[in-house]
Amino acid sequence: MATCEHVRSLPVEDPAPRTPQGCQECLETGTRWVHLRLCLGCGHVGCCDSSPMRHASAHFKDEGHPVVRSFEPGEDWRWCFADELIV
């Protein structure tokens, strides 16, 4: 897999998800999601870009935390929004 500078600066352990039951903003507003992403910078759980609200991408734009991992059972891939790479 490709690497990027953002992955090298991540903590060894993934942060605890702030809302393990689903997308933080969707839960607050009652909207739905397709798949979930965990921000590896702070533990924010947001919905993917296939979801209507795209909260994981919005979190990157608002907070600048570039790397997420899939928060779906059985998936362990990571995505860097800044470099647009699977890492």
PDB file of N, CA and C in Angstrom:
ATOM      1  N   MET A   1       0.823  -1.184   0.000  1.00  0.00           N
ATOM      2  CA  MET A   1       0.000   0.000   0.000  1.00  0.00           C
ATOM      3  C   MET A   1       0.872   1.254   0.000  1.00  0.00           C
ATOM      4  N   ALA A   2       0.339   2.309  -0.521  1.00  0.00           N
ATOM      5  CA  ALA A   2       1.054   3.577  -0.540  1.00  0.00           C
ATOM      6  C   ALA A   2       1.141   4.137   0.875  1.00  0.00           C
ATOM      7  N   THR A   3       2.138   4.958   1.103  1.00  0.00           N
ATOM      8  CA  THR A   3       2.247   5.631   2.389  1.00  0.00           C
ATOM      9  C   THR A   3       2.240   7.140   2.163  1.00  0.00           C
ATOM     10  N   CYS A   4       1.962   7.850   3.199  1.00  0.00           N
ATOM     11  CA  CYS A   4       1.978   9.305   3.133  1.00  0.00           C
ATOM     12  C   CYS A   4       2.483   9.831   4.465  1.00  0.00           C
ATOM     13  N   GLU A   5       2.882  11.092   4.471  1.00  0.00           N
ATOM     14  CA  GLU A   5       3.408  11.698   5.693  1.00  0.00           C
ATOM     15  C   GLU A   5       2.377  11.722   6.811  1.00  0.00           C
ATOM     16  N   HIS A   6       1.104  11.791   6.470  1.00  0.00           N
ATOM     17  CA  HIS A   6       0.040  11.870   7.474  1.00  0.00           C
ATOM     18  C   HIS A   6      -0.080  10.575   8.276  1.00  0.00           C
ATOM     19  N   VAL A   7       0.120   9.449   7.632  1.00  0.00           N
ATOM     20  CA  VAL A   7       0.044   8.156   8.323  1.00  0.00           C
ATOM     21  C   VAL A   7       1.191   8.018   9.310  1.00  0.00           C
ATOM     22  N   ARG A   8       2.344   8.507   8.929  1.00  0.00           N
ATOM     23  CA  ARG A   8       3.513   8.395   9.819  1.00  0.00           C
ATOM     24  C   ARG A   8       3.327   9.171  11.121  1.00  0.00           C
ATOM     25  N   SER A   9       2.474  10.179  11.116  1.00  0.00           N
ATOM     26  CA  SER A   9       2.298  10.990  12.322  1.00  0.00           C
ATOM     27  C   SER A   9       1.137  10.531  13.210  1.00  0.00           C
ATOM     28  N   LEU A  10       0.459   9.442  12.822  1.00  0.00           N
ATOM     29  CA  LEU A  10      -0.664   8.944  13.620  1.00  0.00           C
ATOM     30  C   LEU A  10      -0.182   8.233  14.879  1.00  0.00           C
ATOM     31  N   PRO A  11      -0.996   8.247  15.931  1.00  0.00           N
ATOM     32  CA  PRO A  11      -0.646   7.475  17.131  1.00  0.00           C
ATOM     33  C   PRO A  11      -0.661   5.973  16.819  1.00  0.00           C
ATOM     34  N   VAL A  12       0.025   5.207  17.631  1.00  0.00           N
ATOM     35  CA  VAL A  12       0.095   3.756  17.432  1.00  0.00           C
ATOM     36  C   VAL A  12      -1.293   3.129  17.559  1.00  0.00           C
ATOM     37  N   GLU A  13      -2.053   3.545  18.541  1.00  0.00           N
ATOM     38  CA  GLU A  13      -3.404   3.025  18.777  1.00  0.00           C
ATOM     39  C   GLU A  13      -4.434   3.948  18.138  1.00  0.00           C
ATOM     40  N   ASP A  14      -5.467   3.355  17.537  1.00  0.00           N
ATOM     41  CA  ASP A  14      -6.574   4.159  17.025  1.00  0.00           C
ATOM     42  C   ASP A  14      -7.303   4.814  18.196  1.00  0.00           C
ATOM     43  N   PRO A  15      -7.774   6.036  18.009  1.00  0.00           N
ATOM     44  CA  PRO A  15      -8.538   6.678  19.082  1.00  0.00           C
ATOM     45  C   PRO A  15      -9.873   5.968  19.301  1.00  0.00           C
ATOM     46  N   ALA A  16     -10.399   6.085  20.498  1.00  0.00           N
ATOM     47  CA  ALA A  16     -11.716   5.508  20.785  1.00  0.00           C
ATOM     48  C   ALA A  16     -12.769   6.281  19.998  1.00  0.00           C
ATOM     49  N   PRO A  17     -13.709   5.583  19.370  1.00  0.00           N
ATOM     50  CA  PRO A  17     -14.769   6.288  18.644  1.00  0.00           C
ATOM     51  C   PRO A  17     -15.651   7.082  19.600  1.00  0.00           C
ATOM     52  N   ARG A  18     -15.921   8.325  19.246  1.00  0.00           N
ATOM     53  CA  ARG A  18     -16.758   9.182  20.096  1.00  0.00           C
ATOM     54  C   ARG A  18     -18.213   8.726  20.084  1.00  0.00           C
ATOM     55  N   THR A  19     -18.680   8.234  18.948  1.00  0.00           N
ATOM     56  CA  THR A  19     -20.059   7.742  18.836  1.00  0.00           C
ATOM     57  C   THR A  19     -20.014   6.366  18.163  1.00  0.00           C
ATOM     58  N   PRO A  20     -19.698   5.322  18.917  1.00  0.00           N
ATOM     59  CA  PRO A  20     -19.567   3.991  18.316  1.00  0.00           C
ATOM     60  C   PRO A  20     -20.855   3.469  17.691  1.00  0.00           C
ATOM     61  N   GLN A  21     -21.993   4.071  18.017  1.00  0.00           N
ATOM     62  CA  GLN A  21     -23.269   3.616  17.468  1.00  0.00           C
ATOM     63  C   GLN A  21     -23.536   4.163  16.067  1.00  0.00           C
ATOM     64  N   GLY A  22     -22.722   5.134  15.580  1.00  0.00           N
ATOM     65  CA  GLY A  22     -22.914   5.637  14.225  1.00  0.00           C
ATOM     66  C   GLY A  22     -22.344   7.020  14.016  1.00  0.00           C
ATOM     67  N   CYS A  23     -22.656   7.604  12.861  1.00  0.00           N
ATOM     68  CA  CYS A  23     -22.186   8.936  12.488  1.00  0.00           C
ATOM     69  C   CYS A  23     -22.686   9.962  13.491  1.00  0.00           C
ATOM     70  N   GLN A  24     -21.774  10.711  14.048  1.00  0.00           N
ATOM     71  CA  GLN A  24     -22.109  11.680  15.095  1.00  0.00           C
ATOM     72  C   GLN A  24     -23.175  12.667  14.634  1.00  0.00           C
ATOM     73  N   GLU A  25     -22.978  13.294  13.488  1.00  0.00           N
ATOM     74  CA  GLU A  25     -23.920  14.306  13.015  1.00  0.00           C
ATOM     75  C   GLU A  25     -25.241  13.694  12.557  1.00  0.00           C
ATOM     76  N   CYS A  26     -25.197  12.536  11.916  1.00  0.00           N
ATOM     77  CA  CYS A  26     -26.439  11.881  11.489  1.00  0.00           C
ATOM     78  C   CYS A  26     -27.287  11.484  12.697  1.00  0.00           C
ATOM     79  N   LEU A  27     -26.638  11.022  13.750  1.00  0.00           N
ATOM     80  CA  LEU A  27     -27.367  10.685  14.966  1.00  0.00           C
ATOM     81  C   LEU A  27     -28.025  11.930  15.563  1.00  0.00           C
ATOM     82  N   GLU A  28     -27.326  13.060  15.499  1.00  0.00           N
ATOM     83  CA  GLU A  28     -27.864  14.310  16.057  1.00  0.00           C
ATOM     84  C   GLU A  28     -29.040  14.843  15.240  1.00  0.00           C
ATOM     85  N   THR A  29     -28.990  14.666  13.909  1.00  0.00           N
ATOM     86  CA  THR A  29     -30.006  15.258  13.037  1.00  0.00           C
ATOM     87  C   THR A  29     -31.058  14.260  12.549  1.00  0.00           C
ATOM     88  N   GLY A  30     -30.839  12.985  12.808  1.00  0.00           N
ATOM     89  CA  GLY A  30     -31.789  11.971  12.367  1.00  0.00           C
ATOM     90  C   GLY A  30     -31.670  11.597  10.898  1.00  0.00           C
ATOM     91  N   THR A  31     -30.522  11.905  10.284  1.00  0.00           N
ATOM     92  CA  THR A  31     -30.310  11.509   8.896  1.00  0.00           C
ATOM     93  C   THR A  31     -29.679  10.125   8.847  1.00  0.00           C
ATOM     94  N   ARG A  32     -29.585   9.564   7.657  1.00  0.00           N
ATOM     95  CA  ARG A  32     -29.074   8.198   7.509  1.00  0.00           C
ATOM     96  C   ARG A  32     -27.689   8.204   6.880  1.00  0.00           C
ATOM     97  N   TRP A  33     -27.012   7.089   6.998  1.00  0.00           N
ATOM     98  CA  TRP A  33     -25.688   6.936   6.394  1.00  0.00           C
ATOM     99  C   TRP A  33     -25.625   5.605   5.664  1.00  0.00           C
ATOM    100  N   VAL A  34     -24.593   5.484   4.804  1.00  0.00           N
ATOM    101  CA  VAL A  34     -24.346   4.241   4.063  1.00  0.00           C
ATOM    102  C   VAL A  34     -23.242   3.446   4.758  1.00  0.00           C
ATOM    103  N   HIS A  35     -22.065   4.057   4.912  1.00  0.00           N
ATOM    104  CA  HIS A  35     -20.936   3.434   5.596  1.00  0.00           C
ATOM    105  C   HIS A  35     -20.310   4.466   6.529  1.00  0.00           C
ATOM    106  N   LEU A  36     -19.543   3.976   7.487  1.00  0.00           N
ATOM    107  CA  LEU A  36     -18.950   4.852   8.499  1.00  0.00           C
ATOM    108  C   LEU A  36     -17.433   4.881   8.390  1.00  0.00           C
ATOM    109  N   ARG A  37     -16.867   6.022   8.789  1.00  0.00           N
ATOM    110  CA  ARG A  37     -15.425   6.233   8.821  1.00  0.00           C
ATOM    111  C   ARG A  37     -15.035   6.771  10.194  1.00  0.00           C
ATOM    112  N   LEU A  38     -13.897   6.300  10.715  1.00  0.00           N
ATOM    113  CA  LEU A  38     -13.364   6.753  12.003  1.00  0.00           C
ATOM    114  C   LEU A  38     -12.171   7.659  11.756  1.00  0.00           C
ATOM    115  N   CYS A  39     -12.235   8.882  12.246  1.00  0.00           N
ATOM    116  CA  CYS A  39     -11.108   9.809  12.148  1.00  0.00           C
ATOM    117  C   CYS A  39      -9.995   9.314  13.068  1.00  0.00           C
ATOM    118  N   LEU A  40      -8.817   9.095  12.504  1.00  0.00           N
ATOM    119  CA  LEU A  40      -7.706   8.597  13.306  1.00  0.00           C
ATOM    120  C   LEU A  40      -6.978   9.715  14.037  1.00  0.00           C
ATOM    121  N   GLY A  41      -7.417  10.932  13.843  1.00  0.00           N
ATOM    122  CA  GLY A  41      -6.858  12.059  14.586  1.00  0.00           C
ATOM    123  C   GLY A  41      -7.562  12.305  15.901  1.00  0.00           C
ATOM    124  N   CYS A  42      -8.896  12.042  15.935  1.00  0.00           N
ATOM    125  CA  CYS A  42      -9.640  12.416  17.147  1.00  0.00           C
ATOM    126  C   CYS A  42     -10.756  11.453  17.539  1.00  0.00           C
ATOM    127  N   GLY A  43     -11.074  10.463  16.729  1.00  0.00           N
ATOM    128  CA  GLY A  43     -12.131   9.519  17.083  1.00  0.00           C
ATOM    129  C   GLY A  43     -13.515   9.904  16.590  1.00  0.00           C
ATOM    130  N   HIS A  44     -13.617  10.957  15.793  1.00  0.00           N
ATOM    131  CA  HIS A  44     -14.916  11.333  15.220  1.00  0.00           C
ATOM    132  C   HIS A  44     -15.393  10.221  14.289  1.00  0.00           C
ATOM    133  N   VAL A  45     -16.663   9.845  14.407  1.00  0.00           N
ATOM    134  CA  VAL A  45     -17.262   8.877  13.499  1.00  0.00           C
ATOM    135  C   VAL A  45     -18.155   9.652  12.541  1.00  0.00           C
ATOM    136  N   GLY A  46     -17.853   9.543  11.244  1.00  0.00           N
ATOM    137  CA  GLY A  46     -18.612  10.248  10.229  1.00  0.00           C
ATOM    138  C   GLY A  46     -19.031   9.314   9.111  1.00  0.00           C
ATOM    139  N   CYS A  47     -20.011   9.730   8.347  1.00  0.00           N
ATOM    140  CA  CYS A  47     -20.505   8.916   7.238  1.00  0.00           C
ATOM    141  C   CYS A  47     -19.659   9.155   5.983  1.00  0.00           C
ATOM    142  N   CYS A  48     -19.642   8.159   5.112  1.00  0.00           N
ATOM    143  CA  CYS A  48     -18.811   8.164   3.912  1.00  0.00           C
ATOM    144  C   CYS A  48     -19.366   9.085   2.826  1.00  0.00           C
ATOM    145  N   ASP A  49     -18.611   9.217   1.757  1.00  0.00           N
ATOM    146  CA  ASP A  49     -19.027  10.076   0.650  1.00  0.00           C
ATOM    147  C   ASP A  49     -20.178   9.496  -0.164  1.00  0.00           C
ATOM    148  N   SER A  50     -20.521   8.240   0.031  1.00  0.00           N
ATOM    149  CA  SER A  50     -21.711   7.670  -0.606  1.00  0.00           C
ATOM    150  C   SER A  50     -22.972   7.971   0.196  1.00  0.00           C
ATOM    151  N   SER A  51     -22.797   8.476   1.402  1.00  0.00           N
ATOM    152  CA  SER A  51     -23.920   8.858   2.257  1.00  0.00           C
ATOM    153  C   SER A  51     -24.411  10.249   1.863  1.00  0.00           C
ATOM    154  N   PRO A  52     -25.679  10.538   2.103  1.00  0.00           N
ATOM    155  CA  PRO A  52     -26.214  11.839   1.689  1.00  0.00           C
ATOM    156  C   PRO A  52     -25.477  13.046   2.268  1.00  0.00           C
ATOM    157  N   MET A  53     -25.024  12.964   3.499  1.00  0.00           N
ATOM    158  CA  MET A  53     -24.458  14.150   4.166  1.00  0.00           C
ATOM    159  C   MET A  53     -22.928  14.227   4.126  1.00  0.00           C
ATOM    160  N   ARG A  54     -22.237  13.142   3.854  1.00  0.00           N
ATOM    161  CA  ARG A  54     -20.768  13.125   3.685  1.00  0.00           C
ATOM    162  C   ARG A  54     -20.032  13.760   4.873  1.00  0.00           C
ATOM    163  N   HIS A  55     -20.379  13.344   6.089  1.00  0.00           N
ATOM    164  CA  HIS A  55     -19.828  13.976   7.285  1.00  0.00           C
ATOM    165  C   HIS A  55     -18.341  13.699   7.514  1.00  0.00           C
ATOM    166  N   ALA A  56     -17.815  12.552   7.065  1.00  0.00           N
ATOM    167  CA  ALA A  56     -16.386  12.290   7.239  1.00  0.00           C
ATOM    168  C   ALA A  56     -15.560  13.294   6.427  1.00  0.00           C
ATOM    169  N   SER A  57     -15.960  13.543   5.187  1.00  0.00           N
ATOM    170  CA  SER A  57     -15.265  14.543   4.359  1.00  0.00           C
ATOM    171  C   SER A  57     -15.406  15.934   4.957  1.00  0.00           C
ATOM    172  N   ALA A  58     -16.590  16.264   5.450  1.00  0.00           N
ATOM    173  CA  ALA A  58     -16.817  17.574   6.069  1.00  0.00           C
ATOM    174  C   ALA A  58     -15.920  17.743   7.299  1.00  0.00           C
ATOM    175  N   HIS A  59     -15.753  16.675   8.067  1.00  0.00           N
ATOM    176  CA  HIS A  59     -14.888  16.731   9.247  1.00  0.00           C
ATOM    177  C   HIS A  59     -13.445  17.043   8.830  1.00  0.00           C
ATOM    178  N   PHE A  60     -12.973  16.402   7.765  1.00  0.00           N
ATOM    179  CA  PHE A  60     -11.622  16.699   7.275  1.00  0.00           C
ATOM    180  C   PHE A  60     -11.511  18.170   6.867  1.00  0.00           C
ATOM    181  N   LYS A  61     -12.489  18.666   6.143  1.00  0.00           N
ATOM    182  CA  LYS A  61     -12.452  20.067   5.695  1.00  0.00           C
ATOM    183  C   LYS A  61     -12.509  21.041   6.871  1.00  0.00           C
ATOM    184  N   ASP A  62     -13.304  20.714   7.879  1.00  0.00           N
ATOM    185  CA  ASP A  62     -13.460  21.602   9.034  1.00  0.00           C
ATOM    186  C   ASP A  62     -12.300  21.523  10.027  1.00  0.00           C
ATOM    187  N   GLU A  63     -11.816  20.307  10.268  1.00  0.00           N
ATOM    188  CA  GLU A  63     -10.825  20.085  11.329  1.00  0.00           C
ATOM    189  C   GLU A  63      -9.414  19.843  10.816  1.00  0.00           C
ATOM    190  N   GLY A  64      -9.274  19.441   9.545  1.00  0.00           N
ATOM    191  CA  GLY A  64      -7.948  19.189   8.994  1.00  0.00           C
ATOM    192  C   GLY A  64      -7.340  17.853   9.383  1.00  0.00           C
ATOM    193  N   HIS A  65      -8.144  16.949   9.917  1.00  0.00           N
ATOM    194  CA  HIS A  65      -7.644  15.615  10.260  1.00  0.00           C
ATOM    195  C   HIS A  65      -7.720  14.746   8.996  1.00  0.00           C
ATOM    196  N   PRO A  66      -6.585  14.401   8.390  1.00  0.00           N
ATOM    197  CA  PRO A  66      -6.614  13.821   7.057  1.00  0.00           C
ATOM    198  C   PRO A  66      -6.909  12.321   6.951  1.00  0.00           C
ATOM    199  N   VAL A  67      -6.603  11.528   7.983  1.00  0.00           N
ATOM    200  CA  VAL A  67      -6.676  10.070   7.811  1.00  0.00           C
ATOM    201  C   VAL A  67      -7.856   9.478   8.582  1.00  0.00           C
ATOM    202  N   VAL A  68      -8.624   8.665   7.863  1.00  0.00           N
ATOM    203  CA  VAL A  68      -9.726   7.904   8.458  1.00  0.00           C
ATOM    204  C   VAL A  68      -9.507   6.434   8.159  1.00  0.00           C
ATOM    205  N   ARG A  69     -10.174   5.606   8.923  1.00  0.00           N
ATOM    206  CA  ARG A  69     -10.228   4.186   8.573  1.00  0.00           C
ATOM    207  C   ARG A  69     -11.687   3.798   8.490  1.00  0.00           C
ATOM    208  N   SER A  70     -11.934   2.721   7.771  1.00  0.00           N
ATOM    209  CA  SER A  70     -13.297   2.223   7.700  1.00  0.00           C
ATOM    210  C   SER A  70     -13.743   1.848   9.100  1.00  0.00           C
ATOM    211  N   PHE A  71     -14.964   2.169   9.425  1.00  0.00           N
ATOM    212  CA  PHE A  71     -15.547   1.799  10.713  1.00  0.00           C
ATOM    213  C   PHE A  71     -16.624   0.745  10.485  1.00  0.00           C
ATOM    214  N   GLU A  72     -16.413  -0.061   9.445  1.00  0.00           N
ATOM    215  CA  GLU A  72     -17.316  -1.151   9.108  1.00  0.00           C
ATOM    216  C   GLU A  72     -16.708  -2.469   9.575  1.00  0.00           C
ATOM    217  N   PRO A  73     -17.543  -3.377  10.098  1.00  0.00           N
ATOM    218  CA  PRO A  73     -17.025  -4.666  10.564  1.00  0.00           C
ATOM    219  C   PRO A  73     -16.281  -5.400   9.453  1.00  0.00           C
ATOM    220  N   GLY A  74     -15.119  -5.935   9.799  1.00  0.00           N
ATOM    221  CA  GLY A  74     -14.335  -6.730   8.866  1.00  0.00           C
ATOM    222  C   GLY A  74     -13.479  -5.933   7.896  1.00  0.00           C
ATOM    223  N   GLU A  75     -13.532  -4.607   7.956  1.00  0.00           N
ATOM    224  CA  GLU A  75     -12.713  -3.774   7.070  1.00  0.00           C
ATOM    225  C   GLU A  75     -11.629  -3.085   7.885  1.00  0.00           C
ATOM    226  N   ASP A  76     -10.410  -2.994   7.312  1.00  0.00           N
ATOM    227  CA  ASP A  76      -9.326  -2.358   8.058  1.00  0.00           C
ATOM    228  C   ASP A  76      -8.508  -1.378   7.212  1.00  0.00           C
ATOM    229  N   TRP A  77      -9.048  -0.929   6.099  1.00  0.00           N
ATOM    230  CA  TRP A  77      -8.309  -0.005   5.248  1.00  0.00           C
ATOM    231  C   TRP A  77      -8.395   1.421   5.778  1.00  0.00           C
ATOM    232  N   ARG A  78      -7.431   2.236   5.343  1.00  0.00           N
ATOM    233  CA  ARG A  78      -7.357   3.642   5.735  1.00  0.00           C
ATOM    234  C   ARG A  78      -7.340   4.515   4.485  1.00  0.00           C
ATOM    235  N   TRP A  79      -7.843   5.740   4.601  1.00  0.00           N
ATOM    236  CA  TRP A  79      -7.881   6.697   3.507  1.00  0.00           C
ATOM    237  C   TRP A  79      -7.314   8.026   3.993  1.00  0.00           C
ATOM    238  N   CYS A  80      -6.448   8.623   3.185  1.00  0.00           N
ATOM    239  CA  CYS A  80      -5.932   9.956   3.479  1.00  0.00           C
ATOM    240  C   CYS A  80      -6.641  10.934   2.547  1.00  0.00           C
ATOM    241  N   PHE A  81      -7.458  11.819   3.116  1.00  0.00           N
ATOM    242  CA  PHE A  81      -8.172  12.824   2.331  1.00  0.00           C
ATOM    243  C   PHE A  81      -7.174  13.790   1.674  1.00  0.00           C
ATOM    244  N   ALA A  82      -6.123  14.165   2.384  1.00  0.00           N
ATOM    245  CA  ALA A  82      -5.174  15.155   1.870  1.00  0.00           C
ATOM    246  C   ALA A  82      -4.440  14.644   0.635  1.00  0.00           C
ATOM    247  N   ASP A  83      -3.986  13.401   0.685  1.00  0.00           N
ATOM    248  CA  ASP A  83      -3.222  12.825  -0.418  1.00  0.00           C
ATOM    249  C   ASP A  83      -4.089  12.013  -1.388  1.00  0.00           C
ATOM    250  N   GLU A  84      -5.345  11.815  -1.029  1.00  0.00           N
ATOM    251  CA  GLU A  84      -6.274  11.008  -1.822  1.00  0.00           C
ATOM    252  C   GLU A  84      -5.696   9.631  -2.133  1.00  0.00           C
ATOM    253  N   LEU A  85      -5.283   8.954  -1.066  1.00  0.00           N
ATOM    254  CA  LEU A  85      -4.661   7.628  -1.166  1.00  0.00           C
ATOM    255  C   LEU A  85      -5.260   6.667  -0.163  1.00  0.00           C
ATOM    256  N   ILE A  86      -5.360   5.417  -0.563  1.00  0.00           N
ATOM    257  CA  ILE A  86      -5.611   4.355   0.410  1.00  0.00           C
ATOM    258  C   ILE A  86      -4.259   4.048   1.016  1.00  0.00           C
ATOM    259  N   VAL A  87      -4.189   4.113   2.330  1.00  0.00           N
ATOM    260  CA  VAL A  87      -2.886   3.964   3.008  1.00  0.00           C
ATOM    261  C   VAL A  87      -2.918   2.874   4.044  1.00  0.00           C
TER     262      VAL A  87
END
